[in-house]
Amino acid sequence: MSVADTMPKLHMTTLPNGVRVVTQNVPNMQSAAIGIRIDSSTRNEQPDCGGASHFIEHLLFKGTNTRTADQVMDDFNTLGARANAYTSQEEVFYYAISLASVIPPTFDILADMFLNASFPAKEVEKERGVVLQEILMNQDTPSRFIYNQFHQGFWKGHPLGAPILGTAETITSIPRDRLLEYKLSNYVANATIISVAGNVEHDRIVDQAERLFRGLPVGTLPVMKPEPGWKLSIAENAHYHRPMEQTLFYMGYPIPPAGNQHRHELSVFNQILGSGMNSRLFREVRERRSLAYTVYSMISSYTDSAGLMIYAGTGAERAQEAVDVCHAEVMRFCDELVKDDVLAAAKEQIRCNRLMAIDDCETQVRRISNTTSLLGAPEPIALSLEAIAAVSAQDVRSMAQTLLSNLLPRVESVGPGEGPGLPR
């Protein structure tokens, strides 16, 4: 029996109006998760409605034509379901987790929110205040503040650099009618993905989706693109002075967008560089030099751009050393072949993490939605594991030499003093 034979079965059906329905069947699980993704978000917003996607995410929980805000949450609660949502630069994702046996009524409530949110005027004004408080919270939380500032600087001049929450000015001024108009023009069938993971039957989900979503119109999304020739903003640094105990910083390097030919080598690279306690960053920055308590790397991938990012928090007097060490660890991949035992352990970590995640239906419903959007179809776990297993040490070095050799990252920091500069 092959690995593929033991993996959860993936199915995708495209409804006549373009809505995609994706399921991952995991037999014998008690739970399941359902999500509705709209492939339209911050990068699509015009200047007059900055933050509208995130504002609308809040408002979908505030009542429909047949349910008040309280009734929406009461109905989920009665089923024992938990609902939530998030907004990123390219998507808004609404989801709920419940027993597999009550996925149909859970889907009904989630679809009602998505399709029939009524934006009651009183609720809009109340939630406007909530979003403004969220903006202030992000400003007051140094780790969130520097992430947002770095993202805006790294993608400067690109629609991806727009703040997800908007600004106090745009949220204060955007009227209810403009929010409704924005939702109607962006929540269209061909930009909608319904995903379900757990002990569910694909055909039953498709039948329910077709009944609920058949009236969702088709439309052309107003996707904003950067100017021709735009490039990620690297080899620059910025520091935001605050009277804090630590200096927090992000470093960023450009890599190809989602679905690129190097994505499996990059997964292995990132695992070795900055994922977990065996990573090079953890061992060198924390264990050997005692520079930081928290240090890690991550990859942020979008349809037309992506970045390798490193985060650390350290003392102001050693912030430059931390930046230098982190950069040296990245460049080390260009010069040295990863040792066989390190490579094997990294690939085993990825394999185990992905297999153990099968038991987490919330993680899986996000994964299949995300790969459907970025790759055009849900990516079978077995195929991704086979690709990871095939990555060699030479593949990792060649990828690093091609993508990262002789690059200086962008560095942004917050904390006392003048902050670190670029790597030396």
Protein backbone atom coordinates (compact mmCIF):
# COMPACT_ATOMS: atom_id res chain seq x y z
CA MET A 1 0.00 0.00 0.00
CA SER A 2 1.41 3.42 -0.98
CA VAL A 3 1.46 6.49 1.25
CA ALA A 4 -1.16 8.09 -0.98
CA ASP A 5 -3.57 5.22 -0.26
CA THR A 6 -3.53 6.00 3.47
CA MET A 7 -3.99 9.76 3.13
CA PRO A 8 -7.30 11.62 3.46
CA LYS A 9 -9.20 11.80 0.18
CA LEU A 10 -9.43 15.21 -1.48
CA HIS A 11 -12.23 16.22 -3.84
CA MET A 12 -13.02 19.48 -5.64
CA THR A 13 -16.17 20.43 -7.52
CA THR A 14 -16.76 23.75 -9.27
CA LEU A 15 -20.39 24.84 -9.19
CA PRO A 16 -21.98 26.29 -12.35
CA ASN A 17 -21.46 29.86 -11.11
CA GLY A 18 -17.77 29.29 -10.30
CA VAL A 19 -17.87 28.64 -6.55
CA ARG A 20 -15.29 25.96 -5.72
CA VAL A 21 -16.14 23.29 -3.17
CA VAL A 22 -13.21 21.37 -1.70
CA THR A 23 -13.38 18.60 0.87
CA GLN A 24 -10.85 16.45 2.69
CA ASN A 25 -12.46 13.35 4.12
CA VAL A 26 -10.91 12.01 7.33
CA PRO A 27 -12.92 8.94 8.42
CA ASN A 28 -13.59 8.20 12.08
CA MET A 29 -13.04 11.79 13.26
CA GLN A 30 -15.68 13.20 15.56
CA SER A 31 -15.01 16.79 14.49
CA ALA A 32 -15.04 18.71 11.25
CA ALA A 33 -14.37 22.26 10.13
CA ILE A 34 -15.98 24.30 7.39
CA GLY A 35 -14.65 27.49 5.86
CA ILE A 36 -15.76 30.05 3.31
CA ARG A 37 -12.92 31.98 1.72
CA ILE A 38 -13.21 35.07 -0.42
CA ASP A 39 -10.16 35.73 -2.58
CA SER A 40 -10.44 39.48 -2.18
CA SER A 41 -9.00 41.56 0.61
CA THR A 42 -6.71 44.42 1.55
CA ARG A 43 -4.79 44.53 -1.72
CA ASN A 44 -8.06 45.15 -3.60
CA GLU A 45 -9.07 48.22 -1.60
CA GLN A 46 -9.26 51.72 -3.02
CA PRO A 47 -7.72 54.53 -0.91
CA ASP A 48 -11.15 55.67 0.30
CA CYS A 49 -11.96 52.28 1.83
CA GLY A 50 -8.70 51.15 3.39
CA GLY A 51 -9.50 48.47 5.98
CA ALA A 52 -12.94 47.71 4.48
CA SER A 53 -12.24 43.98 4.07
CA HIS A 54 -11.39 43.58 7.75
CA PHE A 55 -14.28 45.83 8.85
CA ILE A 56 -16.69 43.71 6.80
CA GLU A 57 -15.24 40.55 8.37
CA HIS A 58 -16.42 41.91 11.75
CA LEU A 59 -19.81 42.94 10.39
CA LEU A 60 -20.71 39.53 9.00
CA PHE A 61 -21.15 38.40 12.61
CA LYS A 62 -23.54 41.29 13.35
CA GLY A 63 -26.77 39.99 11.91
CA THR A 64 -28.52 38.88 8.72
CA ASN A 65 -31.97 39.33 7.25
CA THR A 66 -33.28 36.58 9.55
CA ARG A 67 -30.84 36.56 12.51
CA THR A 68 -29.73 39.25 14.91
CA ALA A 69 -26.10 39.40 16.01
CA ASP A 70 -27.02 37.56 19.22
CA GLN A 71 -28.97 34.92 17.31
CA VAL A 72 -26.00 34.21 15.03
CA MET A 73 -23.80 33.33 18.00
CA ASP A 74 -26.65 31.62 19.89
CA ASP A 75 -27.32 29.34 16.90
CA PHE A 76 -23.65 28.32 16.69
CA ASN A 77 -23.60 27.82 20.45
CA THR A 78 -26.70 25.61 20.41
CA LEU A 79 -24.92 23.30 17.97
CA GLY A 80 -21.76 23.25 20.09
CA ALA A 81 -19.92 24.94 17.20
CA ARG A 82 -17.19 27.59 17.40
CA ALA A 83 -17.04 30.25 14.68
CA ASN A 84 -14.32 32.73 13.83
CA ALA A 85 -12.75 34.61 10.92
CA TYR A 86 -9.56 36.36 9.87
CA THR A 87 -8.40 38.79 7.23
CA SER A 88 -5.07 38.68 5.43
CA GLN A 89 -3.67 40.69 2.53
CA GLU A 90 -5.35 38.47 -0.11
CA GLU A 91 -8.22 36.69 1.61
CA VAL A 92 -10.96 36.82 4.18
CA PHE A 93 -11.72 33.44 5.74
CA TYR A 94 -14.84 32.61 7.74
CA TYR A 95 -14.90 29.24 9.46
CA ALA A 96 -16.54 27.10 12.10
CA ILE A 97 -15.55 23.94 13.96
CA SER A 98 -18.15 21.47 15.15
CA LEU A 99 -18.99 17.81 15.45
CA ALA A 100 -19.07 16.28 11.98
CA SER A 101 -22.70 15.29 12.59
CA VAL A 102 -23.81 18.95 12.73
CA ILE A 103 -21.78 20.31 9.82
CA PRO A 104 -24.93 20.82 7.66
CA PRO A 105 -26.68 23.21 10.11
CA THR A 106 -23.33 24.84 10.91
CA PHE A 107 -22.85 25.44 7.17
CA ASP A 108 -26.34 26.97 6.99
CA ILE A 109 -25.46 29.59 9.61
CA LEU A 110 -22.06 30.39 8.09
CA ALA A 111 -23.60 30.73 4.62
CA ASP A 112 -26.34 32.99 5.98
CA MET A 113 -23.68 35.30 7.41
CA PHE A 114 -21.68 35.28 4.17
CA LEU A 115 -24.60 35.81 1.82
CA ASN A 116 -27.15 37.79 3.83
CA ALA A 117 -25.31 40.02 6.29
CA SER A 118 -27.50 43.10 6.70
CA PHE A 119 -25.02 45.57 8.23
CA PRO A 120 -27.48 47.09 10.74
CA ALA A 121 -26.61 50.77 11.04
CA LYS A 122 -26.36 50.61 14.84
CA GLU A 123 -24.04 47.60 14.66
CA VAL A 124 -21.85 49.28 12.04
CA GLU A 125 -21.22 52.21 14.37
CA LYS A 126 -20.60 49.97 17.36
CA GLU A 127 -18.15 47.83 15.40
CA ARG A 128 -16.44 50.91 13.99
CA GLY A 129 -15.43 51.66 17.56
CA VAL A 130 -14.20 48.09 18.04
CA VAL A 131 -11.99 48.27 14.94
CA LEU A 132 -10.57 51.61 16.06
CA GLN A 133 -9.66 50.01 19.38
CA GLU A 134 -8.03 47.13 17.50
CA ILE A 135 -5.89 49.63 15.58
CA LEU A 136 -4.83 51.24 18.87
CA MET A 137 -4.09 47.81 20.38
CA ASN A 138 -1.79 47.01 17.46
CA GLN A 139 0.00 50.32 17.92
CA ASP A 140 0.46 49.62 21.64
CA THR A 141 1.71 46.04 21.18
CA PRO A 142 5.34 46.27 20.05
CA SER A 143 5.48 42.87 18.32
CA ARG A 144 2.34 43.62 16.30
CA PHE A 145 3.44 47.18 15.64
CA ILE A 146 6.81 46.17 14.18
CA TYR A 147 5.28 43.36 12.11
CA ASN A 148 2.82 45.80 10.55
CA GLN A 149 5.50 48.44 9.97
CA PHE A 150 7.86 45.91 8.45
CA HIS A 151 5.18 44.53 6.15
CA GLN A 152 4.30 48.00 4.91
CA GLY A 153 7.97 48.86 4.37
CA PHE A 154 8.96 45.57 2.73
CA TRP A 155 6.04 45.79 0.29
CA LYS A 156 6.31 49.57 -0.10
CA GLY A 157 4.65 50.68 -3.32
CA HIS A 158 2.74 47.39 -3.66
CA PRO A 159 -0.95 46.90 -2.76
CA LEU A 160 0.21 44.14 -0.39
CA GLY A 161 1.79 46.85 1.76
CA ALA A 162 -1.55 48.39 2.71
CA PRO A 163 -2.45 47.91 6.41
CA ILE A 164 -5.04 45.19 6.92
CA LEU A 165 -6.88 47.16 9.60
CA GLY A 166 -6.84 50.38 7.60
CA THR A 167 -6.12 53.60 9.46
CA ALA A 168 -8.06 55.53 12.06
CA GLU A 169 -8.89 58.06 9.33
CA THR A 170 -10.29 55.56 6.83
CA ILE A 171 -12.24 53.55 9.41
CA THR A 172 -13.72 56.70 10.90
CA SER A 173 -14.84 58.07 7.55
CA ILE A 174 -16.02 55.06 5.55
CA PRO A 175 -19.86 55.06 5.45
CA ARG A 176 -22.14 52.04 5.72
CA ASP A 177 -23.24 52.35 2.09
CA ARG A 178 -19.63 52.19 0.90
CA LEU A 179 -19.06 49.03 2.94
CA LEU A 180 -22.13 47.42 1.38
CA GLU A 181 -21.02 48.47 -2.09
CA TYR A 182 -17.56 47.03 -1.47
CA LYS A 183 -18.98 43.70 -0.30
CA LEU A 184 -21.33 43.40 -3.28
CA SER A 185 -18.52 44.03 -5.77
CA ASN A 186 -16.00 41.69 -4.11
CA TYR A 187 -18.01 38.79 -2.69
CA VAL A 188 -18.55 37.06 -6.03
CA ALA A 189 -18.92 33.39 -6.92
CA ASN A 190 -15.72 32.94 -8.89
CA ALA A 191 -13.68 34.30 -5.96
CA THR A 192 -15.34 32.03 -3.37
CA ILE A 193 -13.97 28.74 -2.03
CA ILE A 194 -15.95 26.51 0.33
CA SER A 195 -13.73 24.03 2.15
CA VAL A 196 -14.56 21.26 4.60
CA ALA A 197 -12.22 18.91 6.45
CA GLY A 198 -13.21 15.99 8.66
CA ASN A 199 -15.60 13.07 8.58
CA VAL A 200 -17.83 14.45 5.82
CA GLU A 201 -19.25 13.34 2.47
CA HIS A 202 -18.20 15.45 -0.50
CA ASP A 203 -21.43 15.04 -2.48
CA ARG A 204 -23.59 16.14 0.45
CA ILE A 205 -21.49 19.28 0.90
CA VAL A 206 -21.70 20.01 -2.83
CA ASP A 207 -25.49 19.61 -2.84
CA GLN A 208 -25.87 21.97 0.12
CA ALA A 209 -23.44 24.49 -1.37
CA GLU A 210 -25.27 24.50 -4.69
CA ARG A 211 -28.57 25.13 -2.94
CA LEU A 212 -27.20 27.93 -0.76
CA PHE A 213 -24.84 29.67 -3.19
CA ARG A 214 -26.60 29.35 -6.54
CA GLY A 215 -27.65 33.01 -6.38
CA LEU A 216 -24.17 34.39 -5.70
CA PRO A 217 -23.29 36.48 -8.76
CA VAL A 218 -20.20 36.14 -10.92
CA GLY A 219 -17.98 39.21 -11.15
CA THR A 220 -14.57 40.52 -12.07
CA LEU A 221 -12.48 41.44 -9.05
CA PRO A 222 -10.72 44.80 -9.12
CA VAL A 223 -7.30 43.35 -8.23
CA MET A 224 -4.76 46.09 -7.59
CA LYS A 225 -1.27 45.54 -9.04
CA PRO A 226 2.02 47.35 -8.48
CA GLU A 227 3.61 49.58 -11.08
CA PRO A 228 5.63 47.76 -13.77
CA GLY A 229 9.16 47.09 -12.58
CA TRP A 230 8.24 47.22 -8.89
CA LYS A 231 10.59 45.35 -6.53
CA LEU A 232 10.53 44.51 -2.84
CA SER A 233 12.16 47.17 -0.69
CA ILE A 234 15.39 45.59 0.60
CA ALA A 235 18.84 46.83 1.67
CA GLU A 236 17.13 49.51 3.78
CA ASN A 237 16.51 49.85 7.50
CA ALA A 238 14.16 51.81 9.73
CA HIS A 239 13.90 52.14 13.51
CA TYR A 240 11.00 53.32 15.66
CA HIS A 241 12.14 54.67 19.00
CA ARG A 242 10.22 53.52 22.07
CA PRO A 243 11.27 53.36 25.75
CA MET A 244 11.25 49.54 25.97
CA GLU A 245 13.43 46.89 27.57
CA GLN A 246 14.06 45.08 24.29
CA THR A 247 14.64 45.86 20.62
CA LEU A 248 12.36 43.82 18.38
CA PHE A 249 13.23 43.48 14.71
CA TYR A 250 12.21 41.85 11.46
CA MET A 251 14.54 41.11 8.57
CA GLY A 252 13.23 40.25 5.10
CA TYR A 253 14.58 38.74 1.86
CA PRO A 254 12.70 38.49 -1.46
CA ILE A 255 11.73 35.04 -2.72
CA PRO A 256 9.43 33.95 -5.59
CA PRO A 257 5.64 34.00 -5.09
CA ALA A 258 3.42 31.14 -4.00
CA GLY A 259 3.55 28.02 -6.12
CA ASN A 260 7.10 28.70 -7.30
CA GLN A 261 9.41 25.91 -8.44
CA HIS A 262 11.58 26.25 -5.33
CA ARG A 263 8.79 25.97 -2.75
CA HIS A 264 9.76 22.53 -1.45
CA GLU A 265 13.44 23.46 -1.14
CA LEU A 266 12.32 26.63 0.65
CA SER A 267 10.26 24.58 3.11
CA VAL A 268 13.31 22.49 4.00
CA PHE A 269 15.51 25.60 4.11
CA ASN A 270 13.10 27.38 6.47
CA GLN A 271 12.83 24.34 8.72
CA ILE A 272 16.60 24.22 9.14
CA LEU A 273 17.02 27.98 9.41
CA GLY A 274 14.40 29.01 11.92
CA SER A 275 11.69 26.48 12.79
CA GLY A 276 11.93 25.00 16.25
CA MET A 277 14.60 24.32 18.85
CA ASN A 278 16.90 22.46 16.46
CA SER A 279 17.02 25.34 13.99
CA ARG A 280 20.24 27.18 13.27
CA LEU A 281 18.81 30.50 14.44
CA PHE A 282 17.65 29.04 17.75
CA ARG A 283 20.97 27.35 18.43
CA GLU A 284 23.23 30.21 17.35
CA VAL A 285 21.23 33.25 18.45
CA ARG A 286 19.68 31.87 21.63
CA GLU A 287 21.64 28.84 22.84
CA ARG A 288 25.21 29.80 21.96
CA ARG A 289 25.13 33.61 22.20
CA SER A 290 22.18 34.26 24.57
CA LEU A 291 21.06 37.09 22.31
CA ALA A 292 17.32 36.41 22.37
CA TYR A 293 14.56 34.44 24.00
CA THR A 294 12.47 34.39 20.80
CA VAL A 295 13.94 34.00 17.32
CA TYR A 296 12.43 32.31 14.27
CA SER A 297 12.00 32.51 10.51
CA MET A 298 8.90 32.23 8.36
CA ILE A 299 7.79 32.51 4.75
CA SER A 300 4.98 34.86 3.70
CA SER A 301 3.72 33.88 0.23
CA TYR A 302 1.24 35.71 -2.00
CA THR A 303 0.08 35.32 -5.59
CA ASP A 304 2.69 37.66 -7.07
CA SER A 305 5.28 38.19 -4.31
CA ALA A 306 6.78 36.53 -1.24
CA GLY A 307 9.32 37.10 1.48
CA LEU A 308 11.55 35.14 3.85
CA MET A 309 11.26 36.88 7.22
CA ILE A 310 13.25 36.58 10.45
CA TYR A 311 12.04 37.88 13.82
CA ALA A 312 13.97 38.31 17.08
CA GLY A 313 13.80 40.29 20.31
CA THR A 314 17.07 41.26 21.98
CA GLY A 315 18.77 43.90 24.11
CA ALA A 316 19.41 47.23 22.43
CA GLU A 317 23.17 46.96 23.01
CA ARG A 318 23.35 43.66 21.10
CA ALA A 319 20.71 44.24 18.43
CA GLN A 320 23.27 44.81 15.69
CA GLU A 321 25.06 41.61 16.63
CA ALA A 322 21.77 39.71 16.41
CA VAL A 323 21.08 41.12 12.94
CA ASP A 324 24.60 40.21 11.80
CA VAL A 325 24.32 36.66 13.14
CA CYS A 326 20.89 36.06 11.58
CA HIS A 327 22.11 37.28 8.19
CA ALA A 328 25.23 35.12 8.42
CA GLU A 329 23.06 32.06 9.02
CA VAL A 330 21.05 32.83 5.88
CA MET A 331 24.19 33.34 3.77
CA ARG A 332 25.69 30.14 5.17
CA PHE A 333 23.26 28.15 3.03
CA CYS A 334 24.81 29.69 -0.09
CA ASP A 335 28.29 28.46 0.85
CA GLU A 336 27.86 25.14 2.67
CA LEU A 337 26.04 21.94 1.91
CA VAL A 338 23.65 20.99 4.69
CA LYS A 339 24.87 17.86 6.45
CA ASP A 340 23.02 14.66 5.69
CA ASP A 341 21.78 14.13 9.24
CA VAL A 342 20.52 17.73 9.49
CA LEU A 343 18.73 17.43 6.15
CA ALA A 344 17.14 14.12 7.10
CA ALA A 345 15.95 15.47 10.47
CA ALA A 346 14.45 18.59 8.85
CA LYS A 347 12.53 16.54 6.30
CA GLU A 348 11.30 14.22 9.05
CA GLN A 349 10.10 17.21 11.09
CA ILE A 350 8.13 18.48 8.09
CA ARG A 351 6.71 15.02 7.40
CA CYS A 352 5.63 14.46 11.00
CA ASN A 353 4.18 17.96 11.36
CA ARG A 354 2.07 17.56 8.23
CA LEU A 355 0.86 14.10 9.17
CA MET A 356 0.02 15.07 12.76
CA ALA A 357 -1.86 18.12 11.44
CA ILE A 358 -4.32 15.77 9.72
CA ASP A 359 -5.91 15.33 13.16
CA ASP A 360 -6.53 19.09 13.40
CA CYS A 361 -9.50 19.84 11.17
CA GLU A 362 -9.13 23.60 11.66
CA THR A 363 -5.57 23.50 10.28
CA GLN A 364 -6.65 21.27 7.40
CA VAL A 365 -9.60 23.40 6.33
CA ARG A 366 -7.27 26.39 6.06
CA ARG A 367 -4.65 24.35 4.21
CA ILE A 368 -6.94 23.00 1.52
CA SER A 369 -8.56 26.40 1.03
CA ASN A 370 -5.16 28.06 0.76
CA THR A 371 -3.64 25.58 -1.70
CA THR A 372 -6.79 25.66 -3.82
CA SER A 373 -6.51 29.41 -4.11
CA LEU A 374 -2.76 29.68 -4.65
CA LEU A 375 -2.12 26.51 -6.68
CA GLY A 376 -5.45 26.14 -8.47
CA ALA A 377 -6.39 22.89 -6.73
CA PRO A 378 -6.03 21.38 -3.26
CA GLU A 379 -2.56 19.87 -2.84
CA PRO A 380 -2.60 16.24 -1.69
CA ILE A 381 -0.47 15.74 1.41
CA ALA A 382 1.16 12.65 -0.10
CA LEU A 383 2.40 14.61 -3.14
CA SER A 384 3.88 17.39 -1.01
CA LEU A 385 5.62 14.83 1.22
CA GLU A 386 7.07 13.04 -1.80
CA ALA A 387 8.42 16.36 -3.08
CA ILE A 388 9.94 17.17 0.33
CA ALA A 389 11.53 13.71 0.54
CA ALA A 390 13.20 14.26 -2.84
CA VAL A 391 14.96 17.51 -1.80
CA SER A 392 18.74 17.08 -1.63
CA ALA A 393 21.43 19.11 0.10
CA GLN A 394 22.58 20.31 -3.31
CA ASP A 395 19.01 21.42 -4.12
CA VAL A 396 18.95 23.56 -0.97
CA ARG A 397 22.32 25.16 -1.70
CA SER A 398 21.49 25.79 -5.36
CA MET A 399 18.20 27.40 -4.37
CA ALA A 400 19.93 29.61 -1.79
CA GLN A 401 22.60 30.65 -4.29
CA THR A 402 19.96 31.46 -6.91
CA LEU A 403 17.59 33.40 -4.66
CA LEU A 404 19.64 34.84 -1.79
CA SER A 405 23.30 35.15 -2.71
CA ASN A 406 24.76 38.65 -2.14
CA LEU A 407 21.42 40.10 -0.98
CA LEU A 408 21.04 42.51 1.90
CA PRO A 409 17.68 42.27 3.68
CA ARG A 410 15.34 44.97 4.84
CA VAL A 411 15.62 45.53 8.60
CA GLU A 412 12.97 47.28 10.71
CA SER A 413 13.06 47.55 14.48
CA VAL A 414 11.32 49.09 17.47
CA GLY A 415 12.86 49.81 20.86
CA PRO A 416 15.26 52.12 22.70
CA GLY A 417 18.20 53.93 21.15
CA GLU A 418 18.98 54.13 17.46
CA GLY A 419 18.30 50.50 16.58
CA PRO A 420 20.33 48.13 14.40
CA GLY A 421 21.40 48.90 10.87
CA LEU A 422 21.84 46.55 7.93
CA PRO A 423 23.97 43.43 8.40
CA ARG A 424 27.70 44.09 8.36
